[in-house]
Amino acid sequence: MKENTSPAPTSRRTTAATHFGACNGTHPPVFAVNPDVDIDDVLMHLTAAVTSAFESNAQLCEMLARPLADVAWATWQSLEVCQALIDALRKEDRCVRAEA
């Protein structure tokens, strides 16, 4: 078996520039993600955004009757997946920093 001789990454992962808020291309983008933002900062903001969506959707789940409630519950499950993936990334990021 060949030994991995690649140098360990020395820099933290960061964002690339991207724009959003163009309403499906009906106007130029209104918002942007700045380049070179540290991954931990990004994950913190993403956690806040997904938590907000999760809580808003939870209220819908309680208020709606079927069949619309079924759509809200499907969204709940998707948001739960997003939260789990964010948590896993944040845990991995903490492990990588602890090893460095």
PDB file of N, CA and C in Angstrom:
ATOM      1  N   MET A   1       0.837  -1.167   0.000  1.00  0.00           N
ATOM      2  CA  MET A   1       0.000   0.000   0.000  1.00  0.00           C
ATOM      3  C   MET A   1       0.891   1.242   0.000  1.00  0.00           C
ATOM      4  N   LYS A   2       0.490   2.229  -0.807  1.00  0.00           N
ATOM      5  CA  LYS A   2       1.270   3.455  -0.919  1.00  0.00           C
ATOM      6  C   LYS A   2       0.909   4.416   0.216  1.00  0.00           C
ATOM      7  N   GLU A   3       1.911   4.960   0.862  1.00  0.00           N
ATOM      8  CA  GLU A   3       1.697   5.895   1.965  1.00  0.00           C
ATOM      9  C   GLU A   3       1.320   7.260   1.406  1.00  0.00           C
ATOM     10  N   ASN A   4       0.375   7.904   2.059  1.00  0.00           N
ATOM     11  CA  ASN A   4      -0.047   9.239   1.652  1.00  0.00           C
ATOM     12  C   ASN A   4       1.007  10.238   2.110  1.00  0.00           C
ATOM     13  N   THR A   5       1.647  10.902   1.155  1.00  0.00           N
ATOM     14  CA  THR A   5       2.688  11.877   1.486  1.00  0.00           C
ATOM     15  C   THR A   5       2.228  13.306   1.240  1.00  0.00           C
ATOM     16  N   SER A   6       0.925  13.479   0.979  1.00  0.00           N
ATOM     17  CA  SER A   6       0.404  14.827   0.757  1.00  0.00           C
ATOM     18  C   SER A   6       0.504  15.624   2.043  1.00  0.00           C
ATOM     19  N   PRO A   7       0.882  16.896   1.925  1.00  0.00           N
ATOM     20  CA  PRO A   7       0.941  17.715   3.138  1.00  0.00           C
ATOM     21  C   PRO A   7      -0.459  17.941   3.696  1.00  0.00           C
ATOM     22  N   ALA A   8      -0.563  18.001   4.994  1.00  0.00           N
ATOM     23  CA  ALA A   8      -1.853  18.268   5.625  1.00  0.00           C
ATOM     24  C   ALA A   8      -2.287  19.685   5.286  1.00  0.00           C
ATOM     25  N   PRO A   9      -3.584  19.882   5.090  1.00  0.00           N
ATOM     26  CA  PRO A   9      -4.041  21.235   4.790  1.00  0.00           C
ATOM     27  C   PRO A   9      -3.725  22.172   5.946  1.00  0.00           C
ATOM     28  N   THR A  10      -3.216  23.335   5.612  1.00  0.00           N
ATOM     29  CA  THR A  10      -2.837  24.287   6.652  1.00  0.00           C
ATOM     30  C   THR A  10      -3.841  25.415   6.785  1.00  0.00           C
ATOM     31  N   SER A  11      -4.668  25.608   5.792  1.00  0.00           N
ATOM     32  CA  SER A  11      -5.623  26.706   5.873  1.00  0.00           C
ATOM     33  C   SER A  11      -7.028  26.158   6.089  1.00  0.00           C
ATOM     34  N   ARG A  12      -7.858  26.984   6.661  1.00  0.00           N
ATOM     35  CA  ARG A  12      -9.245  26.605   6.923  1.00  0.00           C
ATOM     36  C   ARG A  12     -10.066  26.771   5.657  1.00  0.00           C
ATOM     37  N   ARG A  13     -11.127  26.017   5.557  1.00  0.00           N
ATOM     38  CA  ARG A  13     -12.024  26.129   4.410  1.00  0.00           C
ATOM     39  C   ARG A  13     -12.773  27.441   4.498  1.00  0.00           C
ATOM     40  N   THR A  14     -12.990  28.050   3.346  1.00  0.00           N
ATOM     41  CA  THR A  14     -13.700  29.326   3.279  1.00  0.00           C
ATOM     42  C   THR A  14     -14.704  29.289   2.130  1.00  0.00           C
ATOM     43  N   THR A  15     -15.514  30.316   2.069  1.00  0.00           N
ATOM     44  CA  THR A  15     -16.531  30.405   1.026  1.00  0.00           C
ATOM     45  C   THR A  15     -15.960  30.968  -0.267  1.00  0.00           C
ATOM     46  N   ALA A  16     -16.693  30.710  -1.325  1.00  0.00           N
ATOM     47  CA  ALA A  16     -16.467  31.375  -2.607  1.00  0.00           C
ATOM     48  C   ALA A  16     -17.561  32.432  -2.741  1.00  0.00           C
ATOM     49  N   ALA A  17     -17.338  33.407  -3.578  1.00  0.00           N
ATOM     50  CA  ALA A  17     -18.353  34.440  -3.797  1.00  0.00           C
ATOM     51  C   ALA A  17     -19.523  33.842  -4.567  1.00  0.00           C
ATOM     52  N   THR A  18     -20.715  34.162  -4.134  1.00  0.00           N
ATOM     53  CA  THR A  18     -21.919  33.754  -4.865  1.00  0.00           C
ATOM     54  C   THR A  18     -23.026  34.761  -4.582  1.00  0.00           C
ATOM     55  N   HIS A  19     -23.925  34.894  -5.527  1.00  0.00           N
ATOM     56  CA  HIS A  19     -25.022  35.850  -5.405  1.00  0.00           C
ATOM     57  C   HIS A  19     -26.344  35.101  -5.330  1.00  0.00           C
ATOM     58  N   PHE A  20     -27.344  35.735  -4.717  1.00  0.00           N
ATOM     59  CA  PHE A  20     -28.682  35.143  -4.668  1.00  0.00           C
ATOM     60  C   PHE A  20     -29.705  36.259  -4.518  1.00  0.00           C
ATOM     61  N   GLY A  21     -30.959  35.893  -4.613  1.00  0.00           N
ATOM     62  CA  GLY A  21     -32.031  36.881  -4.501  1.00  0.00           C
ATOM     63  C   GLY A  21     -32.353  37.538  -5.825  1.00  0.00           C
ATOM     64  N   ALA A  22     -32.320  36.759  -6.912  1.00  0.00           N
ATOM     65  CA  ALA A  22     -32.610  37.303  -8.242  1.00  0.00           C
ATOM     66  C   ALA A  22     -34.023  36.955  -8.708  1.00  0.00           C
ATOM     67  N   CYS A  23     -34.820  36.352  -7.842  1.00  0.00           N
ATOM     68  CA  CYS A  23     -36.203  35.990  -8.182  1.00  0.00           C
ATOM     69  C   CYS A  23     -36.285  35.266  -9.520  1.00  0.00           C
ATOM     70  N   ASN A  24     -35.554  34.158  -9.596  1.00  0.00           N
ATOM     71  CA  ASN A  24     -35.522  33.331 -10.812  1.00  0.00           C
ATOM     72  C   ASN A  24     -35.088  34.112 -12.043  1.00  0.00           C
ATOM     73  N   GLY A  25     -34.142  35.005 -11.864  1.00  0.00           N
ATOM     74  CA  GLY A  25     -33.568  35.733 -12.991  1.00  0.00           C
ATOM     75  C   GLY A  25     -34.387  36.911 -13.482  1.00  0.00           C
ATOM     76  N   THR A  26     -35.377  37.343 -12.713  1.00  0.00           N
ATOM     77  CA  THR A  26     -36.191  38.479 -13.157  1.00  0.00           C
ATOM     78  C   THR A  26     -35.514  39.822 -12.905  1.00  0.00           C
ATOM     79  N   HIS A  27     -34.470  39.830 -12.097  1.00  0.00           N
ATOM     80  CA  HIS A  27     -33.680  41.045 -11.866  1.00  0.00           C
ATOM     81  C   HIS A  27     -32.296  40.622 -11.384  1.00  0.00           C
ATOM     82  N   PRO A  28     -31.352  41.548 -11.367  1.00  0.00           N
ATOM     83  CA  PRO A  28     -30.012  41.192 -10.877  1.00  0.00           C
ATOM     84  C   PRO A  28     -30.075  40.757  -9.405  1.00  0.00           C
ATOM     85  N   PRO A  29     -29.120  39.939  -8.964  1.00  0.00           N
ATOM     86  CA  PRO A  29     -29.110  39.486  -7.571  1.00  0.00           C
ATOM     87  C   PRO A  29     -29.054  40.651  -6.589  1.00  0.00           C
ATOM     88  N   VAL A  30     -29.803  40.507  -5.518  1.00  0.00           N
ATOM     89  CA  VAL A  30     -29.863  41.540  -4.489  1.00  0.00           C
ATOM     90  C   VAL A  30     -28.862  41.262  -3.368  1.00  0.00           C
ATOM     91  N   PHE A  31     -28.569  39.992  -3.124  1.00  0.00           N
ATOM     92  CA  PHE A  31     -27.720  39.596  -2.006  1.00  0.00           C
ATOM     93  C   PHE A  31     -26.503  38.826  -2.492  1.00  0.00           C
ATOM     94  N   ALA A  32     -25.504  38.711  -1.609  1.00  0.00           N
ATOM     95  CA  ALA A  32     -24.293  37.973  -1.976  1.00  0.00           C
ATOM     96  C   ALA A  32     -23.667  37.343  -0.742  1.00  0.00           C
ATOM     97  N   VAL A  33     -22.963  36.240  -0.981  1.00  0.00           N
ATOM     98  CA  VAL A  33     -22.096  35.637   0.026  1.00  0.00           C
ATOM     99  C   VAL A  33     -20.693  36.111  -0.309  1.00  0.00           C
ATOM    100  N   ASN A  34     -20.018  36.676   0.649  1.00  0.00           N
ATOM    101  CA  ASN A  34     -18.665  37.183   0.418  1.00  0.00           C
ATOM    102  C   ASN A  34     -17.658  36.043   0.333  1.00  0.00           C
ATOM    103  N   PRO A  35     -16.610  36.248  -0.436  1.00  0.00           N
ATOM    104  CA  PRO A  35     -15.571  35.217  -0.513  1.00  0.00           C
ATOM    105  C   PRO A  35     -14.717  35.205   0.756  1.00  0.00           C
ATOM    106  N   ASP A  36     -14.087  34.067   0.997  1.00  0.00           N
ATOM    107  CA  ASP A  36     -13.093  33.904   2.065  1.00  0.00           C
ATOM    108  C   ASP A  36     -13.647  34.029   3.484  1.00  0.00           C
ATOM    109  N   VAL A  37     -14.925  33.706   3.674  1.00  0.00           N
ATOM    110  CA  VAL A  37     -15.496  33.675   5.016  1.00  0.00           C
ATOM    111  C   VAL A  37     -15.211  32.294   5.605  1.00  0.00           C
ATOM    112  N   ASP A  38     -14.736  32.250   6.839  1.00  0.00           N
ATOM    113  CA  ASP A  38     -14.375  30.996   7.497  1.00  0.00           C
ATOM    114  C   ASP A  38     -15.580  30.068   7.619  1.00  0.00           C
ATOM    115  N   ILE A  39     -15.343  28.778   7.420  1.00  0.00           N
ATOM    116  CA  ILE A  39     -16.410  27.778   7.424  1.00  0.00           C
ATOM    117  C   ILE A  39     -17.187  27.762   8.735  1.00  0.00           C
ATOM    118  N   ASP A  40     -16.541  27.973   9.866  1.00  0.00           N
ATOM    119  CA  ASP A  40     -17.246  27.958  11.143  1.00  0.00           C
ATOM    120  C   ASP A  40     -18.241  29.108  11.230  1.00  0.00           C
ATOM    121  N   ASP A  41     -17.859  30.284  10.742  1.00  0.00           N
ATOM    122  CA  ASP A  41     -18.780  31.422  10.714  1.00  0.00           C
ATOM    123  C   ASP A  41     -19.961  31.134   9.791  1.00  0.00           C
ATOM    124  N   VAL A  42     -19.679  30.531   8.660  1.00  0.00           N
ATOM    125  CA  VAL A  42     -20.732  30.187   7.703  1.00  0.00           C
ATOM    126  C   VAL A  42     -21.718  29.208   8.332  1.00  0.00           C
ATOM    127  N   LEU A  43     -21.199  28.187   8.988  1.00  0.00           N
ATOM    128  CA  LEU A  43     -22.071  27.184   9.595  1.00  0.00           C
ATOM    129  C   LEU A  43     -22.914  27.768  10.724  1.00  0.00           C
ATOM    130  N   MET A  44     -22.380  28.722  11.463  1.00  0.00           N
ATOM    131  CA  MET A  44     -23.162  29.379  12.517  1.00  0.00           C
ATOM    132  C   MET A  44     -24.347  30.132  11.913  1.00  0.00           C
ATOM    133  N   HIS A  45     -24.095  30.882  10.835  1.00  0.00           N
ATOM    134  CA  HIS A  45     -25.178  31.626  10.184  1.00  0.00           C
ATOM    135  C   HIS A  45     -26.170  30.675   9.514  1.00  0.00           C
ATOM    136  N   LEU A  46     -25.667  29.611   8.926  1.00  0.00           N
ATOM    137  CA  LEU A  46     -26.544  28.621   8.309  1.00  0.00           C
ATOM    138  C   LEU A  46     -27.422  27.949   9.362  1.00  0.00           C
ATOM    139  N   THR A  47     -26.858  27.664  10.515  1.00  0.00           N
ATOM    140  CA  THR A  47     -27.634  27.093  11.617  1.00  0.00           C
ATOM    141  C   THR A  47     -28.779  28.022  12.003  1.00  0.00           C
ATOM    142  N   ALA A  48     -28.493  29.305  12.117  1.00  0.00           N
ATOM    143  CA  ALA A  48     -29.530  30.278  12.481  1.00  0.00           C
ATOM    144  C   ALA A  48     -30.626  30.337  11.420  1.00  0.00           C
ATOM    145  N   ALA A  49     -30.249  30.326  10.153  1.00  0.00           N
ATOM    146  CA  ALA A  49     -31.233  30.397   9.070  1.00  0.00           C
ATOM    147  C   ALA A  49     -32.109  29.145   9.029  1.00  0.00           C
ATOM    148  N   VAL A  50     -31.497  27.982   9.166  1.00  0.00           N
ATOM    149  CA  VAL A  50     -32.266  26.734   9.132  1.00  0.00           C
ATOM    150  C   VAL A  50     -33.147  26.618  10.376  1.00  0.00           C
ATOM    151  N   THR A  51     -32.657  27.044  11.521  1.00  0.00           N
ATOM    152  CA  THR A  51     -33.464  27.013  12.744  1.00  0.00           C
ATOM    153  C   THR A  51     -34.688  27.906  12.596  1.00  0.00           C
ATOM    154  N   SER A  52     -34.508  29.079  12.006  1.00  0.00           N
ATOM    155  CA  SER A  52     -35.629  29.986  11.772  1.00  0.00           C
ATOM    156  C   SER A  52     -36.661  29.348  10.841  1.00  0.00           C
ATOM    157  N   ALA A  53     -36.195  28.748   9.764  1.00  0.00           N
ATOM    158  CA  ALA A  53     -37.101  28.069   8.836  1.00  0.00           C
ATOM    159  C   ALA A  53     -37.806  26.903   9.532  1.00  0.00           C
ATOM    160  N   PHE A  54     -37.069  26.168  10.337  1.00  0.00           N
ATOM    161  CA  PHE A  54     -37.614  25.018  11.065  1.00  0.00           C
ATOM    162  C   PHE A  54     -38.735  25.465  12.003  1.00  0.00           C
ATOM    163  N   GLU A  55     -38.500  26.541  12.751  1.00  0.00           N
ATOM    164  CA  GLU A  55     -39.502  27.032  13.703  1.00  0.00           C
ATOM    165  C   GLU A  55     -40.737  27.579  12.991  1.00  0.00           C
ATOM    166  N   SER A  56     -40.538  28.317  11.905  1.00  0.00           N
ATOM    167  CA  SER A  56     -41.676  28.828  11.129  1.00  0.00           C
ATOM    168  C   SER A  56     -42.496  27.674  10.570  1.00  0.00           C
ATOM    169  N   ASN A  57     -41.811  26.674  10.053  1.00  0.00           N
ATOM    170  CA  ASN A  57     -42.494  25.519   9.487  1.00  0.00           C
ATOM    171  C   ASN A  57     -43.229  24.730  10.570  1.00  0.00           C
ATOM    172  N   ALA A  58     -42.661  24.662  11.770  1.00  0.00           N
ATOM    173  CA  ALA A  58     -43.323  23.955  12.874  1.00  0.00           C
ATOM    174  C   ALA A  58     -44.673  24.599  13.184  1.00  0.00           C
ATOM    175  N   GLN A  59     -44.730  25.926  13.127  1.00  0.00           N
ATOM    176  CA  GLN A  59     -45.995  26.621  13.348  1.00  0.00           C
ATOM    177  C   GLN A  59     -47.007  26.264  12.267  1.00  0.00           C
ATOM    178  N   LEU A  60     -46.539  26.175  11.018  1.00  0.00           N
ATOM    179  CA  LEU A  60     -47.432  25.778   9.931  1.00  0.00           C
ATOM    180  C   LEU A  60     -47.968  24.368  10.144  1.00  0.00           C
ATOM    181  N   CYS A  61     -47.104  23.470  10.580  1.00  0.00           N
ATOM    182  CA  CYS A  61     -47.525  22.082  10.815  1.00  0.00           C
ATOM    183  C   CYS A  61     -48.678  22.021  11.814  1.00  0.00           C
ATOM    184  N   GLU A  62     -48.654  22.895  12.802  1.00  0.00           N
ATOM    185  CA  GLU A  62     -49.704  22.917  13.821  1.00  0.00           C
ATOM    186  C   GLU A  62     -50.983  23.575  13.322  1.00  0.00           C
ATOM    187  N   MET A  63     -50.867  24.523  12.397  1.00  0.00           N
ATOM    188  CA  MET A  63     -52.024  25.303  11.957  1.00  0.00           C
ATOM    189  C   MET A  63     -52.765  24.697  10.772  1.00  0.00           C
ATOM    190  N   LEU A  64     -52.074  23.986   9.906  1.00  0.00           N
ATOM    191  CA  LEU A  64     -52.670  23.525   8.660  1.00  0.00           C
ATOM    192  C   LEU A  64     -53.411  22.204   8.818  1.00  0.00           C
ATOM    193  N   ALA A  65     -54.411  22.047   7.985  1.00  0.00           N
ATOM    194  CA  ALA A  65     -55.120  20.772   7.887  1.00  0.00           C
ATOM    195  C   ALA A  65     -54.586  20.016   6.678  1.00  0.00           C
ATOM    196  N   ARG A  66     -54.835  18.728   6.638  1.00  0.00           N
ATOM    197  CA  ARG A  66     -54.414  17.929   5.491  1.00  0.00           C
ATOM    198  C   ARG A  66     -55.185  18.396   4.264  1.00  0.00           C
ATOM    199  N   PRO A  67     -54.652  18.372   3.084  1.00  0.00           N
ATOM    200  CA  PRO A  67     -53.375  17.800   2.661  1.00  0.00           C
ATOM    201  C   PRO A  67     -52.201  18.776   2.770  1.00  0.00           C
ATOM    202  N   LEU A  68     -52.479  20.059   3.046  1.00  0.00           N
ATOM    203  CA  LEU A  68     -51.371  21.020   3.144  1.00  0.00           C
ATOM    204  C   LEU A  68     -50.441  20.700   4.305  1.00  0.00           C
ATOM    205  N   ALA A  69     -50.976  20.164   5.373  1.00  0.00           N
ATOM    206  CA  ALA A  69     -50.130  19.802   6.510  1.00  0.00           C
ATOM    207  C   ALA A  69     -49.104  18.748   6.114  1.00  0.00           C
ATOM    208  N   ASP A  70     -49.469  17.867   5.191  1.00  0.00           N
ATOM    209  CA  ASP A  70     -48.525  16.842   4.729  1.00  0.00           C
ATOM    210  C   ASP A  70     -47.314  17.476   4.054  1.00  0.00           C
ATOM    211  N   VAL A  71     -47.549  18.546   3.306  1.00  0.00           N
ATOM    212  CA  VAL A  71     -46.443  19.260   2.651  1.00  0.00           C
ATOM    213  C   VAL A  71     -45.560  19.916   3.710  1.00  0.00           C
ATOM    214  N   ALA A  72     -46.178  20.503   4.714  1.00  0.00           N
ATOM    215  CA  ALA A  72     -45.410  21.133   5.791  1.00  0.00           C
ATOM    216  C   ALA A  72     -44.586  20.090   6.549  1.00  0.00           C
ATOM    217  N   TRP A  73     -45.152  18.905   6.772  1.00  0.00           N
ATOM    218  CA  TRP A  73     -44.399  17.852   7.462  1.00  0.00           C
ATOM    219  C   TRP A  73     -43.241  17.351   6.606  1.00  0.00           C
ATOM    220  N   ALA A  74     -43.435  17.292   5.296  1.00  0.00           N
ATOM    221  CA  ALA A  74     -42.335  16.902   4.402  1.00  0.00           C
ATOM    222  C   ALA A  74     -41.214  17.934   4.476  1.00  0.00           C
ATOM    223  N   THR A  75     -41.593  19.203   4.534  1.00  0.00           N
ATOM    224  CA  THR A  75     -40.598  20.265   4.675  1.00  0.00           C
ATOM    225  C   THR A  75     -39.893  20.146   6.022  1.00  0.00           C
ATOM    226  N   TRP A  76     -40.630  19.831   7.070  1.00  0.00           N
ATOM    227  CA  TRP A  76     -40.053  19.610   8.409  1.00  0.00           C
ATOM    228  C   TRP A  76     -38.952  18.564   8.335  1.00  0.00           C
ATOM    229  N   GLN A  77     -39.249  17.452   7.662  1.00  0.00           N
ATOM    230  CA  GLN A  77     -38.266  16.373   7.560  1.00  0.00           C
ATOM    231  C   GLN A  77     -37.032  16.815   6.779  1.00  0.00           C
ATOM    232  N   SER A  78     -37.223  17.589   5.722  1.00  0.00           N
ATOM    233  CA  SER A  78     -36.080  18.097   4.950  1.00  0.00           C
ATOM    234  C   SER A  78     -35.230  19.043   5.791  1.00  0.00           C
ATOM    235  N   LEU A  79     -35.878  19.900   6.562  1.00  0.00           N
ATOM    236  CA  LEU A  79     -35.138  20.820   7.430  1.00  0.00           C
ATOM    237  C   LEU A  79     -34.404  20.065   8.532  1.00  0.00           C
ATOM    238  N   GLU A  80     -35.004  18.984   9.007  1.00  0.00           N
ATOM    239  CA  GLU A  80     -34.344  18.162  10.018  1.00  0.00           C
ATOM    240  C   GLU A  80     -33.067  17.535   9.447  1.00  0.00           C
ATOM    241  N   VAL A  81     -33.117  17.098   8.188  1.00  0.00           N
ATOM    242  CA  VAL A  81     -31.926  16.577   7.510  1.00  0.00           C
ATOM    243  C   VAL A  81     -30.867  17.674   7.425  1.00  0.00           C
ATOM    244  N   CYS A  82     -31.284  18.882   7.048  1.00  0.00           N
ATOM    245  CA  CYS A  82     -30.341  20.007   6.961  1.00  0.00           C
ATOM    246  C   CYS A  82     -29.679  20.276   8.305  1.00  0.00           C
ATOM    247  N   GLN A  83     -30.466  20.276   9.373  1.00  0.00           N
ATOM    248  CA  GLN A  83     -29.895  20.508  10.700  1.00  0.00           C
ATOM    249  C   GLN A  83     -28.883  19.430  11.064  1.00  0.00           C
ATOM    250  N   ALA A  84     -29.196  18.186  10.763  1.00  0.00           N
ATOM    251  CA  ALA A  84     -28.278  17.089  11.081  1.00  0.00           C
ATOM    252  C   ALA A  84     -26.978  17.213  10.296  1.00  0.00           C
ATOM    253  N   LEU A  85     -27.070  17.574   9.027  1.00  0.00           N
ATOM    254  CA  LEU A  85     -25.865  17.735   8.209  1.00  0.00           C
ATOM    255  C   LEU A  85     -25.010  18.900   8.703  1.00  0.00           C
ATOM    256  N   ILE A  86     -25.646  19.998   9.078  1.00  0.00           N
ATOM    257  CA  ILE A  86     -24.905  21.141   9.618  1.00  0.00           C
ATOM    258  C   ILE A  86     -24.202  20.734  10.911  1.00  0.00           C
ATOM    259  N   ASP A  87     -24.933  20.039  11.790  1.00  0.00           N
ATOM    260  CA  ASP A  87     -24.329  19.584  13.051  1.00  0.00           C
ATOM    261  C   ASP A  87     -23.130  18.685  12.786  1.00  0.00           C
ATOM    262  N   ALA A  88     -23.264  17.780  11.815  1.00  0.00           N
ATOM    263  CA  ALA A  88     -22.156  16.879  11.487  1.00  0.00           C
ATOM    264  C   ALA A  88     -20.954  17.656  10.959  1.00  0.00           C
ATOM    265  N   LEU A  89     -21.195  18.653  10.126  1.00  0.00           N
ATOM    266  CA  LEU A  89     -20.092  19.472   9.605  1.00  0.00           C
ATOM    267  C   LEU A  89     -19.416  20.260  10.719  1.00  0.00           C
ATOM    268  N   ARG A  90     -20.222  20.797  11.636  1.00  0.00           N
ATOM    269  CA  ARG A  90     -19.639  21.566  12.740  1.00  0.00           C
ATOM    270  C   ARG A  90     -18.822  20.669  13.656  1.00  0.00           C
ATOM    271  N   LYS A  91     -19.299  19.452  13.905  1.00  0.00           N
ATOM    272  CA  LYS A  91     -18.539  18.508  14.731  1.00  0.00           C
ATOM    273  C   LYS A  91     -17.235  18.134  14.046  1.00  0.00           C
ATOM    274  N   GLU A  92     -17.296  17.874  12.744  1.00  0.00           N
ATOM    275  CA  GLU A  92     -16.091  17.530  11.982  1.00  0.00           C
ATOM    276  C   GLU A  92     -15.105  18.690  12.013  1.00  0.00           C
ATOM    277  N   ASP A  93     -15.617  19.913  11.867  1.00  0.00           N
ATOM    278  CA  ASP A  93     -14.749  21.090  11.880  1.00  0.00           C
ATOM    279  C   ASP A  93     -14.053  21.226  13.231  1.00  0.00           C
ATOM    280  N   ARG A  94     -14.784  20.969  14.329  1.00  0.00           N
ATOM    281  CA  ARG A  94     -14.170  21.039  15.662  1.00  0.00           C
ATOM    282  C   ARG A  94     -13.098  19.970  15.824  1.00  0.00           C
ATOM    283  N   CYS A  95     -13.343  18.773  15.279  1.00  0.00           N
ATOM    284  CA  CYS A  95     -12.353  17.686  15.367  1.00  0.00           C
ATOM    285  C   CYS A  95     -11.091  18.041  14.597  1.00  0.00           C
ATOM    286  N   VAL A  96     -11.252  18.617  13.413  1.00  0.00           N
ATOM    287  CA  VAL A  96     -10.098  18.997  12.590  1.00  0.00           C
ATOM    288  C   VAL A  96      -9.284  20.063  13.309  1.00  0.00           C
ATOM    289  N   ARG A  97      -9.963  21.049  13.917  1.00  0.00           N
ATOM    290  CA  ARG A  97      -9.241  22.106  14.636  1.00  0.00           C
ATOM    291  C   ARG A  97      -8.534  21.549  15.861  1.00  0.00           C
ATOM    292  N   ALA A  98      -9.136  20.577  16.529  1.00  0.00           N
ATOM    293  CA  ALA A  98      -8.516  19.993  17.721  1.00  0.00           C
ATOM    294  C   ALA A  98      -7.260  19.208  17.365  1.00  0.00           C
ATOM    295  N   GLU A  99      -7.251  18.590  16.182  1.00  0.00           N
ATOM    296  CA  GLU A  99      -6.091  17.814  15.746  1.00  0.00           C
ATOM    297  C   GLU A  99      -4.954  18.704  15.266  1.00  0.00           C
ATOM    298  N   ALA A 100      -5.279  19.923  14.845  1.00  0.00           N
ATOM    299  CA  ALA A 100      -4.250  20.819  14.282  1.00  0.00           C
ATOM    300  C   ALA A 100      -3.339  21.386  15.343  1.00  0.00           C
TER     301      ALA A 100
END
